[in-house]
């Protein structure tokens, strides 16, 4: 069972070295804030879906994160005035709920809408059951983000996202050609070609991992 979301966010704050020389939010209040946030979503019947690194941690081991990421419609976001928006564009909104950082993927983007509507499941975080993206949904979002990151030269994020994809594919059997087929409806042809090359590279890396595992498993122990 995945740890409670409050524990994930708390660890993300405490173990982020960038926070060590600045005033940090009161992490002791995080459980109450997170409980209020999800209770508010349920009481107002918000059709949310949890995505991002917290969702990823329910499937694989990952890094610490302090952000909570949802897919929402703009109408639903407007029904949540307690989330104070700092900046937004047609696809994304960034804000805070009390001391929590909240990032929103807006369903005006048709791929985000597809993930929310067709790639949703329930995952256990501590004692709570949360609406969460499926493995396929997370892969769609990770791949979709890569072309923009390539263009911006954000190669540290590229490395992280490609590693997330690799870990998901190492741990779960997924039809990657099906993922790319879905993405073909939402990306430029040139972007899709680059993603196909990335997918091939990741698959080759996974094959190498398996080959090395088998080689070491079958090798004899060296004589002492």
Protein backbone atom coordinates (compact mmCIF):
# COMPACT_ATOMS: atom_id res chain seq x y z
CA UNK A 1 0.00 0.00 0.00
CA UNK A 2 1.29 3.46 -0.91
CA UNK A 3 1.99 5.83 1.97
CA UNK A 4 -0.50 8.60 2.73
CA UNK A 5 -0.36 11.62 0.43
CA UNK A 6 0.46 13.87 3.40
CA UNK A 7 3.58 11.78 4.10
CA UNK A 8 4.64 11.96 0.46
CA UNK A 9 4.30 15.76 0.35
CA UNK A 10 5.94 16.16 3.76
CA UNK A 11 8.97 14.14 2.61
CA UNK A 12 9.09 16.13 -0.62
CA UNK A 13 9.37 19.36 1.38
CA UNK A 14 11.76 18.17 4.07
CA UNK A 15 14.17 16.37 1.76
CA UNK A 16 14.34 19.07 -0.92
CA UNK A 17 17.66 20.83 -0.30
CA UNK A 18 16.31 24.02 -1.90
CA UNK A 19 14.06 24.42 1.13
CA UNK A 20 16.76 24.14 3.75
CA UNK A 21 17.74 27.82 3.68
CA UNK A 22 14.22 29.26 3.40
CA UNK A 23 11.13 29.35 5.56
CA UNK A 24 9.24 26.12 5.00
CA UNK A 25 5.50 25.62 5.34
CA UNK A 26 4.23 24.07 8.55
CA UNK A 27 4.46 20.40 7.60
CA UNK A 28 2.56 19.37 10.73
CA UNK A 29 -0.58 20.89 9.23
CA UNK A 30 -0.27 19.06 5.92
CA UNK A 31 -2.50 16.10 6.85
CA UNK A 32 -5.38 18.41 7.77
CA UNK A 33 -4.95 20.51 4.62
CA UNK A 34 -4.85 17.46 2.36
CA UNK A 35 -7.86 15.91 4.09
CA UNK A 36 -9.79 19.17 3.60
CA UNK A 37 -8.78 19.32 -0.07
CA UNK A 38 -9.98 15.82 -0.94
CA UNK A 39 -13.10 16.15 1.21
CA UNK A 40 -13.92 19.35 -0.68
CA UNK A 41 -13.45 17.57 -4.02
CA UNK A 42 -15.81 14.78 -2.94
CA UNK A 43 -18.44 17.02 -1.36
CA UNK A 44 -18.65 19.20 -4.46
CA UNK A 45 -18.68 16.10 -6.70
CA UNK A 46 -15.65 17.29 -8.62
CA UNK A 47 -14.66 14.84 -11.34
CA UNK A 48 -10.96 15.03 -10.55
CA UNK A 49 -8.18 12.61 -11.36
CA UNK A 50 -4.85 12.56 -9.53
CA UNK A 51 -1.81 12.57 -11.84
CA UNK A 52 1.85 13.58 -11.56
CA UNK A 53 4.48 12.17 -9.25
CA UNK A 54 2.14 11.29 -6.38
CA UNK A 55 0.06 9.16 -8.73
CA UNK A 56 3.27 7.62 -10.10
CA UNK A 57 4.36 6.64 -6.57
CA UNK A 58 1.33 4.38 -6.27
CA UNK A 59 2.83 2.20 -9.02
CA UNK A 60 6.62 2.45 -8.72
CA UNK A 61 9.31 3.73 -6.39
CA UNK A 62 10.05 7.34 -7.21
CA UNK A 63 11.47 10.59 -6.01
CA UNK A 64 10.03 12.96 -3.45
CA UNK A 65 7.51 15.56 -4.59
CA UNK A 66 5.68 18.42 -2.89
CA UNK A 67 3.12 19.13 -5.64
CA UNK A 68 -0.38 17.70 -5.98
CA UNK A 69 -1.44 17.39 -9.63
CA UNK A 70 -4.99 17.00 -10.89
CA UNK A 71 -6.80 16.92 -14.20
CA UNK A 72 -9.89 19.15 -13.96
CA UNK A 73 -12.19 21.04 -16.25
CA UNK A 74 -12.01 24.83 -16.06
CA UNK A 75 -15.62 24.87 -14.80
CA UNK A 76 -14.68 22.54 -11.95
CA UNK A 77 -11.63 24.64 -11.15
CA UNK A 78 -13.86 27.71 -10.92
CA UNK A 79 -15.98 25.77 -8.40
CA UNK A 80 -12.87 25.55 -6.19
CA UNK A 81 -12.10 29.20 -5.29
CA UNK A 82 -10.12 27.95 -2.29
CA UNK A 83 -7.38 27.00 -4.77
CA UNK A 84 -5.66 30.35 -5.36
CA UNK A 85 -4.36 30.47 -8.92
CA UNK A 86 -1.01 32.17 -9.44
CA UNK A 87 -0.76 31.71 -13.21
CA UNK A 88 -2.51 29.77 -15.95
CA UNK A 89 -2.78 29.26 -19.68
CA UNK A 90 -5.12 27.25 -21.88
CA UNK A 91 -3.71 23.90 -20.72
CA UNK A 92 -2.36 24.43 -17.21
CA UNK A 93 -3.04 26.31 -13.97
CA UNK A 94 -0.68 26.64 -11.01
CA UNK A 95 -1.85 27.63 -7.56
CA UNK A 96 -2.02 26.86 -3.88
CA UNK A 97 -4.52 25.43 -1.44
CA UNK A 98 -3.53 26.67 2.01
CA UNK A 99 0.18 25.72 2.10
CA UNK A 100 -0.09 23.07 -0.64
CA UNK A 101 1.17 23.56 -4.18
CA UNK A 102 -1.51 22.44 -6.63
CA UNK A 103 -0.96 22.06 -10.39
CA UNK A 104 -3.96 21.60 -12.67
CA UNK A 105 -4.04 20.04 -16.14
CA UNK A 106 -7.13 21.48 -17.82
CA UNK A 107 -9.46 19.38 -19.93
CA UNK A 108 -9.54 22.02 -22.64
CA UNK A 109 -6.56 19.99 -23.76
CA UNK A 110 -8.24 17.02 -25.42
CA UNK A 111 -5.58 14.52 -24.38
CA UNK A 112 -5.97 15.53 -20.74
CA UNK A 113 -9.73 15.11 -21.13
CA UNK A 114 -9.20 11.65 -22.63
CA UNK A 115 -6.99 10.57 -19.73
CA UNK A 116 -9.51 11.82 -17.18
CA UNK A 117 -12.44 10.10 -18.89
CA UNK A 118 -10.89 6.80 -20.02
CA UNK A 119 -7.76 6.15 -17.98
CA UNK A 120 -8.91 6.46 -14.39
CA UNK A 121 -8.83 3.95 -11.57
CA UNK A 122 -8.79 3.97 -7.78
CA UNK A 123 -5.56 3.68 -5.80
CA UNK A 124 -4.99 3.34 -2.09
CA UNK A 125 -2.95 6.02 -0.29
CA UNK A 126 -2.72 5.25 3.40
CA UNK A 127 -6.33 4.75 4.49
CA UNK A 128 -7.81 6.75 1.60
CA UNK A 129 -8.99 5.61 -1.82
CA UNK A 130 -8.21 8.23 -4.47
CA UNK A 131 -9.26 8.62 -8.12
CA UNK A 132 -5.98 8.23 -9.95
CA UNK A 133 -4.61 7.88 -13.48
CA UNK A 134 -3.94 4.38 -14.73
CA UNK A 135 -0.50 3.27 -15.88
CA UNK A 136 -1.54 3.92 -19.47
CA UNK A 137 -2.80 7.37 -18.50
CA UNK A 138 0.50 8.28 -16.86
CA UNK A 139 2.45 7.04 -19.88
CA UNK A 140 0.29 9.16 -22.19
CA UNK A 141 0.98 12.26 -20.10
CA UNK A 142 4.72 11.59 -19.78
CA UNK A 143 5.20 11.00 -23.51
CA UNK A 144 2.98 13.97 -24.40
CA UNK A 145 5.15 16.29 -22.30
CA UNK A 146 8.45 15.25 -23.86
CA UNK A 147 8.36 17.21 -27.17
CA UNK A 148 7.81 20.50 -25.31
CA UNK A 149 10.64 19.68 -22.92
CA UNK A 150 12.94 18.84 -25.83
CA UNK A 151 12.18 22.19 -27.49
CA UNK A 152 12.80 24.12 -24.28
CA UNK A 153 16.06 22.30 -23.63
CA UNK A 154 14.85 21.14 -20.21
CA UNK A 155 16.98 18.05 -20.35
CA UNK A 156 17.01 17.43 -16.60
CA UNK A 157 13.22 17.04 -16.78
CA UNK A 158 13.57 14.99 -19.97
CA UNK A 159 15.85 12.60 -18.11
CA UNK A 160 13.38 12.33 -15.22
CA UNK A 161 10.38 11.75 -17.48
CA UNK A 162 12.18 9.16 -19.60
CA UNK A 163 13.25 7.38 -16.42
CA UNK A 164 9.63 7.40 -15.17
CA UNK A 165 8.53 5.81 -18.45
CA UNK A 166 11.30 3.23 -18.22
CA UNK A 167 10.33 2.26 -14.67
CA UNK A 168 6.67 1.87 -15.59
CA UNK A 169 7.54 -0.33 -18.56
CA UNK A 170 9.97 -2.37 -16.46
CA UNK A 171 7.28 -3.14 -13.91
CA UNK A 172 4.13 -3.42 -16.03
CA UNK A 173 3.24 -4.96 -19.37
CA UNK A 174 1.93 -2.16 -21.61
CA UNK A 175 1.20 -2.05 -25.33
CA UNK A 176 3.48 0.84 -26.18
CA UNK A 177 2.39 0.89 -29.81
CA UNK A 178 -1.14 1.51 -28.57
CA UNK A 179 0.06 4.45 -26.48
CA UNK A 180 1.79 6.00 -29.48
CA UNK A 181 -1.27 5.38 -31.67
CA UNK A 182 -3.41 7.39 -29.24
CA UNK A 183 -0.80 10.17 -29.14
CA UNK A 184 -0.79 10.38 -32.94
CA UNK A 185 -4.15 12.17 -32.71
CA UNK A 186 -2.73 14.93 -30.49
CA UNK A 187 0.83 15.55 -31.75
CA UNK A 188 2.61 16.83 -34.81
CA UNK A 189 3.91 14.10 -37.12
CA UNK A 190 7.49 15.21 -36.47
CA UNK A 191 6.92 15.07 -32.69
CA UNK A 192 5.46 11.59 -32.95
CA UNK A 193 8.45 10.39 -34.96
CA UNK A 194 10.78 11.63 -32.23
CA UNK A 195 8.70 9.90 -29.57
CA UNK A 196 8.82 6.66 -31.54
CA UNK A 197 12.62 6.94 -31.53
CA UNK A 198 12.55 7.61 -27.77
CA UNK A 199 10.26 4.62 -27.21
CA UNK A 200 12.58 2.38 -29.22
CA UNK A 201 15.56 3.60 -27.20
CA UNK A 202 13.74 2.88 -23.92
CA UNK A 203 12.69 -0.57 -25.10
CA UNK A 204 16.27 -1.36 -26.10
CA UNK A 205 17.44 -0.20 -22.69
CA UNK A 206 14.93 -2.49 -20.99
CA UNK A 207 16.05 -5.42 -23.14
CA UNK A 208 19.64 -4.70 -22.12
CA UNK A 209 18.62 -4.66 -18.45
CA UNK A 210 16.94 -8.05 -18.83
CA UNK A 211 19.91 -9.44 -20.73
CA UNK A 212 22.31 -8.29 -18.03
CA UNK A 213 20.06 -9.75 -15.32
CA UNK A 214 19.97 -13.12 -17.07
CA UNK A 215 23.72 -13.05 -17.68
CA UNK A 216 24.53 -12.41 -14.03
CA UNK A 217 21.94 -14.88 -12.78
CA UNK A 218 23.49 -17.65 -14.83
CA UNK A 219 27.11 -16.74 -14.26
CA UNK A 220 29.13 -18.77 -11.78
CA UNK A 221 30.40 -17.13 -8.61
CA UNK A 222 34.07 -16.22 -8.93
CA UNK A 223 36.46 -18.35 -7.00
CA UNK A 224 37.72 -16.80 -3.79
